[in-house]
Protein backbone atom coordinates (compact mmCIF):
# COMPACT_ATOMS: atom_id res chain seq x y z
CA MET A 1 43.83 -1.55 -26.77
CA GLN A 2 40.30 -0.08 -25.36
CA GLN A 3 38.45 1.29 -28.02
CA LEU A 4 36.45 3.95 -25.83
CA ASP A 5 33.87 5.59 -28.55
CA HIS A 6 30.58 5.70 -26.65
CA GLN A 7 28.80 8.05 -24.24
CA PHE A 8 27.17 7.18 -20.90
CA ILE A 9 23.54 8.66 -21.49
CA ASP A 10 20.11 7.39 -19.56
CA ASN A 11 22.20 4.40 -17.84
CA ARG A 12 23.07 2.99 -21.94
CA TRP A 13 26.29 3.49 -23.90
CA VAL A 14 25.44 4.75 -26.77
CA PRO A 15 27.77 5.77 -29.75
CA SER A 16 29.31 9.52 -29.61
CA ALA A 17 27.94 11.75 -32.06
CA GLY A 18 31.42 12.96 -32.26
CA GLN A 19 34.39 12.22 -34.69
CA ARG A 20 37.77 13.27 -33.35
CA ARG A 21 39.87 10.65 -31.70
CA LEU A 22 42.08 11.31 -28.77
CA PRO A 23 45.22 8.93 -27.70
CA VAL A 24 44.88 7.49 -23.79
CA THR A 25 48.85 6.84 -22.59
CA ASN A 26 50.43 5.12 -20.48
CA PRO A 27 52.85 7.38 -18.53
CA TYR A 28 55.16 5.18 -17.55
CA SER A 29 55.72 3.35 -20.93
CA GLU A 30 54.66 6.22 -22.86
CA GLU A 31 52.11 3.50 -24.86
CA VAL A 32 49.26 4.36 -26.21
CA ILE A 33 46.49 1.89 -24.65
CA ALA A 34 43.56 2.99 -25.27
CA GLU A 35 41.49 6.01 -27.64
CA VAL A 36 38.92 8.15 -26.60
CA THR A 37 36.23 9.82 -29.21
CA VAL A 38 35.81 13.40 -28.35
CA GLY A 39 32.02 13.96 -27.76
CA ASP A 40 30.29 17.25 -29.12
CA PRO A 41 27.86 19.43 -27.99
CA ALA A 42 24.60 16.89 -29.75
CA ASP A 43 26.33 14.59 -27.15
CA VAL A 44 25.95 17.18 -24.21
CA ASP A 45 22.44 18.19 -25.49
CA SER A 46 21.71 13.88 -24.98
CA ALA A 47 22.80 13.98 -21.58
CA VAL A 48 21.17 17.12 -19.66
CA ALA A 49 17.97 15.90 -21.56
CA ALA A 50 18.24 13.03 -19.76
CA ALA A 51 19.44 14.32 -16.34
CA ARG A 52 16.60 16.76 -16.85
CA ARG A 53 14.21 13.94 -17.33
CA ALA A 54 15.24 12.28 -14.54
CA LEU A 55 14.92 15.25 -11.94
CA PRO A 56 11.77 15.26 -10.67
CA ALA A 57 11.65 11.46 -9.81
CA TRP A 58 15.08 12.11 -8.09
CA ARG A 59 14.52 14.76 -6.12
CA ALA A 60 11.32 13.67 -5.10
CA ARG A 61 13.17 10.42 -3.09
CA SER A 62 13.97 10.46 0.66
CA GLY A 63 17.32 11.31 1.44
CA ALA A 64 17.61 7.71 3.07
CA GLU A 65 16.81 6.60 -0.55
CA ARG A 66 19.36 8.43 -2.00
CA ALA A 67 21.90 7.37 0.63
CA ALA A 68 21.40 3.49 0.10
CA TYR A 69 22.86 4.70 -3.68
CA LEU A 70 25.84 6.19 -2.47
CA GLU A 71 26.40 3.07 0.00
CA GLY A 72 25.99 0.92 -2.98
CA PHE A 73 28.97 3.05 -4.77
CA ALA A 74 31.43 2.91 -1.51
CA GLU A 75 30.57 -1.12 -1.50
CA ALA A 76 31.03 -1.22 -5.35
CA LEU A 77 34.29 0.71 -4.91
CA THR A 78 35.25 -1.24 -2.39
CA ARG A 79 35.12 -4.83 -4.25
CA ARG A 80 37.22 -3.19 -7.25
CA ARG A 81 39.73 -1.67 -4.94
CA ASP A 82 42.95 -3.88 -6.19
CA GLU A 83 41.55 -3.13 -10.02
CA LEU A 84 41.41 0.44 -9.53
CA ILE A 85 44.37 0.84 -7.78
CA ARG A 86 46.48 -0.71 -10.84
CA LEU A 87 44.33 0.89 -13.37
CA SER A 88 44.76 4.47 -11.71
CA SER A 89 48.87 4.04 -11.92
CA THR A 90 48.73 2.77 -15.22
CA ASN A 91 46.49 5.94 -16.67
CA ASN A 92 47.94 8.40 -14.14
CA GLY A 93 51.34 7.38 -13.15
CA LYS A 94 50.80 7.19 -9.61
CA VAL A 95 52.47 4.80 -7.27
CA LEU A 96 50.54 2.41 -5.59
CA ALA A 97 50.40 3.57 -2.39
CA GLU A 98 49.18 6.93 -3.73
CA ALA A 99 46.89 5.45 -5.68
CA GLY A 100 45.40 3.37 -2.66
CA ILE A 101 44.74 6.41 -0.66
CA ASP A 102 43.19 8.18 -3.47
CA LEU A 103 40.75 5.17 -3.90
CA ASP A 104 40.10 4.86 0.09
CA ASP A 105 39.50 8.65 0.04
CA ALA A 106 36.95 8.62 -2.34
CA ILE A 107 35.16 5.26 -0.44
CA ALA A 108 35.31 7.53 2.23
CA CYS A 109 33.33 10.33 0.36
CA TYR A 110 30.51 8.26 -0.65
CA ARG A 111 29.61 6.90 2.85
CA TYR A 112 30.35 10.26 4.52
CA TYR A 113 27.18 12.19 1.94
CA ALA A 114 25.36 9.02 2.34
CA HIS A 115 25.20 10.01 6.14
CA GLN A 116 24.61 13.33 4.90
CA ALA A 117 21.71 12.78 2.77
CA ARG A 118 20.04 10.82 5.60
CA GLU A 119 20.63 14.00 7.75
CA LEU A 120 19.26 16.11 5.24
CA ASP A 121 15.80 14.20 5.76
CA HIS A 122 15.84 15.89 9.51
CA ARG A 123 16.60 19.26 8.50
CA GLN A 124 13.46 19.58 6.19
CA GLY A 125 11.18 21.77 7.33
CA ARG A 126 12.27 23.02 10.79
CA LEU A 127 10.93 26.09 12.17
CA VAL A 128 12.77 29.46 12.07
CA GLU A 129 13.12 31.34 15.16
CA LEU A 130 10.96 34.80 15.05
CA GLU A 131 9.99 37.45 17.10
CA MET A 132 6.54 37.58 15.85
CA ASP A 133 2.88 36.19 16.75
CA GLY A 134 1.03 34.11 14.53
CA VAL A 135 3.52 33.97 11.80
CA GLU A 136 6.34 30.77 11.48
CA ALA A 137 8.78 30.18 8.90
CA ARG A 138 9.59 26.65 7.80
CA CYS A 139 13.07 26.17 6.39
CA TYR A 140 13.47 23.68 3.58
CA HIS A 141 16.58 22.98 1.62
CA ASP A 142 16.20 21.64 -2.63
CA PRO A 143 18.45 20.37 -5.06
CA VAL A 144 19.76 22.87 -7.47
CA GLY A 145 18.79 20.77 -10.37
CA VAL A 146 20.87 20.00 -13.38
CA ALA A 147 24.87 19.72 -12.45
CA GLY A 148 27.62 19.90 -14.85
CA LEU A 149 30.68 18.07 -13.11
CA ILE A 150 34.42 18.82 -14.86
CA THR A 151 36.97 16.76 -13.32
CA PRO A 152 40.69 17.18 -13.68
CA TRP A 153 43.50 14.89 -14.89
CA ASN A 154 45.44 14.04 -11.00
CA PHE A 155 43.11 12.86 -8.87
CA PRO A 156 40.20 11.35 -10.97
CA LEU A 157 38.27 9.40 -8.39
CA VAL A 158 38.85 11.44 -5.37
CA THR A 159 37.73 14.74 -7.50
CA SER A 160 34.47 13.02 -9.11
CA ALA A 161 33.78 11.66 -5.48
CA TRP A 162 33.79 14.86 -3.98
CA LYS A 163 31.33 16.43 -6.69
CA LEU A 164 29.38 13.36 -7.55
CA ALA A 165 28.33 11.99 -3.96
CA PRO A 166 27.04 15.50 -2.35
CA ALA A 167 25.36 16.18 -5.77
CA LEU A 168 23.18 12.66 -5.59
CA ALA A 169 22.75 13.22 -1.99
CA ALA A 170 21.17 16.63 -2.75
CA GLY A 171 19.15 15.05 -5.35
CA CYS A 172 20.76 16.56 -8.12
CA THR A 173 21.33 14.78 -11.41
CA VAL A 174 24.32 15.08 -13.05
CA VAL A 175 26.47 15.16 -16.10
CA LEU A 176 30.01 13.97 -15.73
CA LYS A 177 32.89 15.05 -17.78
CA PRO A 178 36.39 13.50 -16.93
CA SER A 179 39.47 14.44 -17.91
CA GLU A 180 40.42 13.26 -21.15
CA VAL A 181 43.90 12.73 -20.32
CA THR A 182 42.84 9.85 -17.34
CA PRO A 183 38.98 8.67 -18.97
CA LEU A 184 39.87 5.18 -17.54
CA PRO A 185 39.20 5.27 -13.96
CA GLU A 186 36.06 7.23 -14.13
CA ARG A 187 34.35 5.07 -16.29
CA THR A 188 33.95 2.45 -13.80
CA LEU A 189 31.52 4.99 -12.07
CA ALA A 190 29.14 4.10 -15.15
CA GLU A 191 29.70 0.64 -14.43
CA ILE A 192 28.68 0.93 -10.71
CA ALA A 193 25.36 3.12 -11.74
CA ILE A 194 24.19 -0.03 -14.01
CA GLU A 195 25.11 -2.46 -11.23
CA VAL A 196 23.26 -0.55 -8.25
CA ASP A 197 20.22 0.21 -10.64
CA LEU A 198 20.66 4.11 -10.36
CA PRO A 199 17.64 5.41 -12.35
CA ALA A 200 18.42 6.26 -15.72
CA GLY A 201 19.27 9.89 -16.47
CA VAL A 202 20.73 10.46 -12.97
CA LEU A 203 24.41 10.12 -13.76
CA ASN A 204 25.43 11.15 -17.36
CA LEU A 205 29.20 10.44 -18.19
CA LEU A 206 30.58 12.29 -21.47
CA TYR A 207 34.07 11.45 -22.91
CA GLY A 208 35.94 14.50 -24.25
CA ASP A 209 37.56 17.20 -24.49
CA GLY A 210 37.00 21.16 -23.20
CA GLU A 211 36.36 21.73 -26.87
CA GLY A 212 33.89 18.92 -27.46
CA VAL A 213 31.91 18.73 -24.14
CA GLY A 214 33.17 20.91 -21.65
CA ALA A 215 32.61 24.33 -22.62
CA PRO A 216 29.34 23.22 -24.18
CA LEU A 217 28.25 21.98 -20.52
CA ALA A 218 29.44 24.82 -18.88
CA SER A 219 27.19 26.78 -21.12
CA HIS A 220 24.23 24.86 -21.45
CA PRO A 221 20.86 26.30 -20.69
CA GLY A 222 19.92 23.24 -19.05
CA VAL A 223 22.43 22.87 -16.17
CA ASP A 224 21.78 24.80 -13.05
CA LYS A 225 24.46 24.29 -11.70
CA VAL A 226 28.25 23.99 -12.62
CA SER A 227 31.35 22.27 -10.23
CA PHE A 228 34.66 22.76 -12.15
CA THR A 229 38.28 21.56 -10.81
CA GLY A 230 41.30 22.62 -12.83
CA SER A 231 43.34 25.73 -14.12
CA ASN A 232 42.54 29.39 -13.58
CA ARG A 233 42.81 29.88 -17.14
CA VAL A 234 39.77 27.59 -17.90
CA GLY A 235 38.43 28.37 -14.52
CA GLU A 236 37.56 31.87 -15.54
CA ALA A 237 36.49 30.39 -19.06
CA VAL A 238 33.74 28.63 -17.14
CA MET A 239 32.80 31.24 -14.90
CA ARG A 240 32.44 33.47 -17.66
CA ALA A 241 30.17 31.02 -19.34
CA ALA A 242 27.68 30.44 -16.55
CA ALA A 243 27.20 34.26 -15.75
CA GLU A 244 25.53 34.90 -19.08
CA ARG A 245 23.03 32.50 -17.62
CA THR A 246 23.55 33.98 -14.12
CA ALA A 247 23.93 29.57 -13.46
CA ASP A 248 25.62 28.66 -9.81
CA VAL A 249 29.24 27.49 -9.90
CA SER A 250 31.93 25.96 -7.62
CA LEU A 251 35.63 26.45 -9.08
CA GLU A 252 38.18 24.64 -7.48
CA LEU A 253 41.37 26.28 -9.00
CA GLY A 254 45.22 26.83 -8.80
CA GLY A 255 47.67 27.09 -5.66
CA LYS A 256 50.95 28.28 -4.45
CA SER A 257 50.60 27.23 -1.03
CA PRO A 258 53.50 27.82 1.49
CA ILE A 259 54.95 25.81 4.19
CA LEU A 260 56.44 27.64 6.77
CA VAL A 261 59.04 26.20 9.14
CA MET A 262 60.25 27.97 12.32
CA GLU A 263 63.14 28.17 14.63
CA ASP A 264 61.94 26.13 16.87
CA ALA A 265 61.10 23.06 14.71
CA ASP A 266 63.06 19.47 14.39
CA PRO A 267 64.64 19.73 10.73
CA GLU A 268 64.36 16.22 10.59
CA GLN A 269 61.11 15.98 11.26
CA ALA A 270 60.20 19.18 9.01
CA ALA A 271 61.90 17.69 6.26
CA ASP A 272 59.58 14.66 5.77
CA TRP A 273 56.69 17.06 6.10
CA VAL A 274 58.31 19.33 3.55
CA MET A 275 59.20 16.35 1.18
CA ALA A 276 55.09 14.68 1.15
CA GLY A 277 54.05 18.18 0.60
CA ILE A 278 55.97 18.39 -2.50
CA TYR A 279 56.56 15.81 -3.87
CA SER A 280 53.54 13.44 -3.49
CA ASN A 281 51.91 12.59 -6.66
CA ALA A 282 55.15 14.19 -8.48
CA GLY A 283 53.96 17.53 -7.32
CA GLN A 284 50.71 17.24 -9.13
CA ILE A 285 48.59 18.73 -6.60
CA CYS A 286 46.69 21.75 -6.31
CA SER A 287 47.57 22.39 -2.43
CA ALA A 288 51.50 21.29 -3.42
CA THR A 289 53.45 23.35 -0.77
CA SER A 290 55.61 24.49 -3.62
CA ARG A 291 56.67 27.38 -1.35
CA LEU A 292 59.37 26.40 1.53
CA LEU A 293 59.54 29.79 4.19
CA VAL A 294 62.12 28.40 6.46
CA HIS A 295 63.86 30.58 9.86
CA ASP A 296 67.35 31.32 8.90
CA ALA A 297 68.34 29.61 12.07
CA ILE A 298 67.58 26.10 10.90
CA ALA A 299 67.61 26.83 7.12
CA GLU A 300 71.19 24.91 6.44
CA PRO A 301 70.22 21.84 8.27
CA LEU A 302 66.65 21.80 6.71
CA TYR A 303 68.49 22.11 3.41
CA ALA A 304 70.60 19.18 4.04
CA ALA A 305 68.35 17.19 5.17
CA LEU A 306 65.82 17.66 2.32
CA ALA A 307 68.76 16.89 -0.40
CA GLU A 308 69.22 13.77 1.83
CA ARG A 309 65.39 12.82 0.87
CA ILE A 310 65.26 13.76 -2.95
CA ASP A 311 68.56 11.75 -3.28
CA ASP A 312 66.84 8.52 -1.54
CA LEU A 313 63.71 8.97 -3.57
CA THR A 314 63.63 5.96 -5.90
CA LEU A 315 61.67 7.12 -9.35
CA GLY A 316 60.45 4.42 -11.34
CA ASP A 317 57.45 2.06 -12.71
CA PRO A 318 54.35 3.15 -10.53
CA LEU A 319 53.12 -0.34 -10.59
CA ALA A 320 56.31 -1.71 -8.79
CA GLU A 321 56.60 -1.97 -5.22
CA GLY A 322 59.09 0.38 -3.58
CA THR A 323 58.62 3.00 -6.06
CA ASP A 324 58.48 6.93 -4.45
CA MET A 325 57.51 8.83 -7.34
CA GLY A 326 56.38 7.83 -10.66
CA PRO A 327 56.25 10.02 -13.89
CA LEU A 328 53.92 13.01 -14.43
CA THR A 329 50.46 11.90 -16.38
CA SER A 330 51.16 13.45 -19.57
CA ALA A 331 53.89 14.55 -22.13
CA ARG A 332 52.53 18.02 -22.24
CA GLN A 333 52.93 18.63 -18.32
CA ARG A 334 56.22 17.44 -18.18
CA ASP A 335 56.79 19.81 -20.97
CA VAL A 336 54.94 22.41 -18.81
CA VAL A 337 57.44 21.97 -15.96
CA ARG A 338 60.51 21.65 -18.40
CA ALA A 339 59.89 25.25 -19.51
CA TYR A 340 59.55 26.21 -15.87
CA LEU A 341 62.97 24.92 -15.30
CA ALA A 342 64.35 26.61 -18.10
CA ILE A 343 63.00 30.15 -16.75
CA ALA A 344 64.90 29.14 -13.48
CA GLU A 345 68.48 28.52 -15.54
CA ARG A 346 67.50 31.70 -17.36
CA GLU A 347 67.23 33.40 -13.75
CA GLY A 348 70.39 32.13 -12.50
CA LEU A 349 68.17 30.39 -9.23
CA SER A 350 70.64 28.24 -6.96
CA ALA A 351 69.72 24.72 -7.70
CA VAL A 352 69.76 22.23 -3.98
CA ARG A 353 68.87 19.52 -6.14
CA ASP A 354 67.63 19.04 -10.27
CA SER A 355 68.33 16.80 -13.29
CA ARG A 356 72.16 17.45 -12.77
CA HIS A 357 71.59 15.06 -9.67
CA ARG A 358 70.32 12.57 -10.67
CA ARG A 359 69.72 10.29 -13.93
CA LEU A 360 66.06 9.27 -14.92
CA PRO A 361 64.70 6.43 -16.04
CA ASP A 362 64.76 5.34 -19.75
CA SER A 363 61.04 5.69 -20.28
CA GLY A 364 58.52 8.25 -19.09
CA PHE A 365 57.31 11.34 -18.84
CA PHE A 366 60.09 11.78 -15.67
CA VAL A 367 60.73 14.95 -14.09
CA ALA A 368 63.63 15.15 -11.67
CA PRO A 369 62.97 16.24 -7.93
CA THR A 370 64.06 19.66 -7.48
CA LEU A 371 64.85 21.96 -4.90
CA TYR A 372 65.71 25.80 -5.63
CA ARG A 373 67.13 28.21 -2.02
CA ASP A 374 67.20 31.85 -1.54
CA VAL A 375 64.56 32.37 -4.71
CA PRO A 376 63.56 35.63 -5.33
CA THR A 377 59.92 36.81 -4.44
CA GLN A 378 59.46 38.04 -7.92
CA SER A 379 60.79 34.81 -10.10
CA ARG A 380 58.24 33.28 -11.71
CA LEU A 381 59.05 30.01 -10.16
CA TRP A 382 57.99 31.69 -6.71
CA ARG A 383 54.81 33.06 -8.06
CA GLU A 384 53.30 30.38 -10.35
CA GLU A 385 51.76 26.88 -10.14
CA ILE A 386 54.53 24.77 -11.21
CA PHE A 387 52.35 21.26 -10.98
CA GLY A 388 55.50 19.53 -10.85
CA PRO A 389 57.93 18.47 -8.41
CA VAL A 390 59.64 21.96 -8.23
CA LEU A 391 60.16 23.02 -4.34
CA CYS A 392 61.27 26.84 -3.93
CA ALA A 393 62.63 28.23 -0.52
CA ARG A 394 63.92 31.30 0.75
CA SER A 395 64.36 32.04 4.19
CA VAL A 396 62.77 34.29 6.29
CA ALA A 397 64.35 36.22 9.66
CA SER A 398 61.31 36.21 11.87
CA GLU A 399 57.20 34.80 12.03
CA GLU A 400 56.22 38.02 11.09
CA GLU A 401 58.13 37.95 7.74
CA ALA A 402 57.12 34.30 7.11
CA ILE A 403 53.06 35.22 7.42
CA ARG A 404 53.93 38.48 5.31
CA GLN A 405 55.63 36.15 2.37
CA ALA A 406 53.22 33.48 2.96
CA ASN A 407 50.51 35.65 2.07
CA ASP A 408 52.01 37.35 -0.79
CA SER A 409 50.40 35.70 -3.59
CA ASP A 410 47.64 35.59 -5.91
CA PHE A 411 47.01 32.07 -3.98
CA GLY A 412 45.34 30.60 -0.85
CA LEU A 413 44.38 27.48 -1.50
CA ALA A 414 46.55 26.09 1.40
CA ALA A 415 49.56 26.38 3.59
CA THR A 416 51.41 23.75 6.54
CA VAL A 417 52.93 25.41 9.55
CA VAL A 418 55.51 23.44 11.67
CA SER A 419 56.62 24.73 15.11
CA GLY A 420 57.93 23.11 18.20
CA ASP A 421 55.35 24.98 19.57
CA ALA A 422 51.72 24.01 18.61
CA GLU A 423 49.95 27.13 20.09
CA ARG A 424 52.14 29.52 17.87
CA ALA A 425 51.57 27.23 15.04
CA ARG A 426 47.79 27.61 15.35
CA ARG A 427 48.30 31.27 15.72
CA ILE A 428 50.32 31.59 12.29
CA GLY A 429 47.83 29.35 10.81
CA ARG A 430 45.23 31.66 11.96
CA ALA A 431 46.75 34.53 10.50
CA LEU A 432 47.52 32.63 6.73
CA GLN A 433 44.84 33.26 3.97
CA ALA A 434 44.26 29.99 3.10
CA GLY A 435 41.21 27.57 3.03
CA SER A 436 43.24 24.75 4.71
CA VAL A 437 46.13 25.30 7.05
CA TRP A 438 47.77 21.93 8.35
CA ILE A 439 49.76 22.19 11.53
CA ASN A 440 52.66 19.85 11.84
CA GLY A 441 51.47 16.90 9.98
CA GLU A 442 51.10 15.94 6.01
CA GLN A 443 48.36 16.95 3.96
CA LEU A 444 45.31 15.38 5.45
CA VAL A 445 41.69 15.77 3.46
CA LEU A 446 38.75 14.51 5.28
CA PRO A 447 35.57 14.08 4.18
CA GLU A 448 34.27 16.43 7.33
CA THR A 449 36.36 19.36 6.44
CA GLY A 450 35.90 21.73 4.06
CA TRP A 451 37.50 22.36 0.62
CA GLY A 452 38.62 25.51 -1.05
CA GLY A 453 40.63 27.99 -1.24
CA PHE A 454 40.80 31.94 -0.78
CA LYS A 455 41.35 34.76 -3.80
CA ARG A 456 42.31 33.49 -7.40
CA SER A 457 42.41 29.79 -5.64
CA GLY A 458 38.25 29.60 -6.37
CA ILE A 459 34.54 30.13 -5.39
CA GLY A 460 32.86 27.75 -3.24
CA ARG A 461 33.84 24.59 -0.74
CA GLU A 462 33.42 21.30 -1.52
CA LEU A 463 33.61 18.58 1.44
CA GLY A 464 32.17 18.55 4.54
CA PRO A 465 28.32 20.13 5.02
CA TRP A 466 29.60 23.10 3.08
CA GLY A 467 30.00 20.49 -0.03
CA LEU A 468 26.24 19.44 0.28
CA SER A 469 25.07 23.23 0.90
CA ALA A 470 26.94 23.86 -2.80
CA TYR A 471 24.19 21.66 -4.29
CA LEU A 472 21.16 22.63 -2.54
CA ALA A 473 18.77 26.27 -2.88
CA VAL A 474 17.21 27.04 0.27
CA LYS A 475 14.15 27.93 0.57
CA HIS A 476 11.66 29.41 3.30
CA LEU A 477 7.90 28.82 3.56
CA VAL A 478 6.51 32.05 5.89
CA GLY A 479 3.18 32.42 6.87
CA PRO A 480 0.61 32.08 9.36
CA VAL A 481 0.82 29.44 12.12
CA PRO A 482 -1.97 26.73 11.33
CA SER A 483 -4.75 26.70 13.39
């Protein structure tokens, strides 16, 4: 069993100032595979101080120099691909295929922001068009400073890449707090920092929970920017802490995303996209399309197709070839989902498929893939994020009704539209209040396209040039034209 009792500060593993220890559990075997010492505010102070010392020299480097380090991260992750896929499956419960996709997405993100860092060199000092004789203005982009990055447990290496890569590309130094539930994959980032000879203090990694590390990091006066991905409850606390010193924040929070299936769609093809949108990663996806709005005309054939596919899912060991769905990542999350299933029973929801239709594996934090139909819009299962393999469905009579019900939500992270008419699907997509809308396909997230939501799904954008801008401050120099 691994003992994670050191923090990565200034390119060295140093003993943690904290005393509390937390177990790290394999969600399939339910065995404790590691123990992590929870950091405390003294560790945060040390890490932030290291990041501040490293900031002047790091921000002074060219974008091309910073890009070389990001390419180094991508290459090191590629060399460790097989090892990291198995580690992610063991710590997180992902099936091997999903863990492989996650890692490849992370690698692509580091490569993309290496390119963006080089482009940043060309953007510096560009002239701004002015209608004024004898005066010129030039635009510069400076790093915001020290960034505190707080990542979730459902996609550890991916979400850390979405934050760490643009922060480093912009010239920020960082303090990264992985989830205490899945600390093992992101430990590799510290090892890679040493391997590529990243300057000391540019990347600091702290193990701990919200009390010991997360809250002190979000409220630390030496942190200029906080980027958080996780629950609304914690995100709101991060925002309050940052507000006390007017620090910059980016928040990627909850979702209750709809998938709209129109009457001109092929039910069999639509069923495949519905399945991918809710049962991948055991439903533990912030963008999971957990609300199905299907036109009356094809509701019955779609429900039948979904029932057949749910029955065909293989639940089991995520390390075994052929497993379609692994366990939830923790016992706590399993219990959260079970509590919603109990609410569904009290509300009398109609289950097309649930635990009564399937025997679960003997070990592991499993929840049966579940589908409820004709779910009232006032149901808590329709309105609240469950973060598990639970799909709520209802039929609609028209396109207008589908759009109205899709937008009737506190969240607006993502959506999917399925229609036999691609132009119609795009028209519907433009009417939806969501940061990302997929048209006739699975949830394709690319480094080049922004990620973030409307309403309570968060503030700001990750990925694309917008992700880089989140770590940059715009500066203009205005004065007489040089003679």
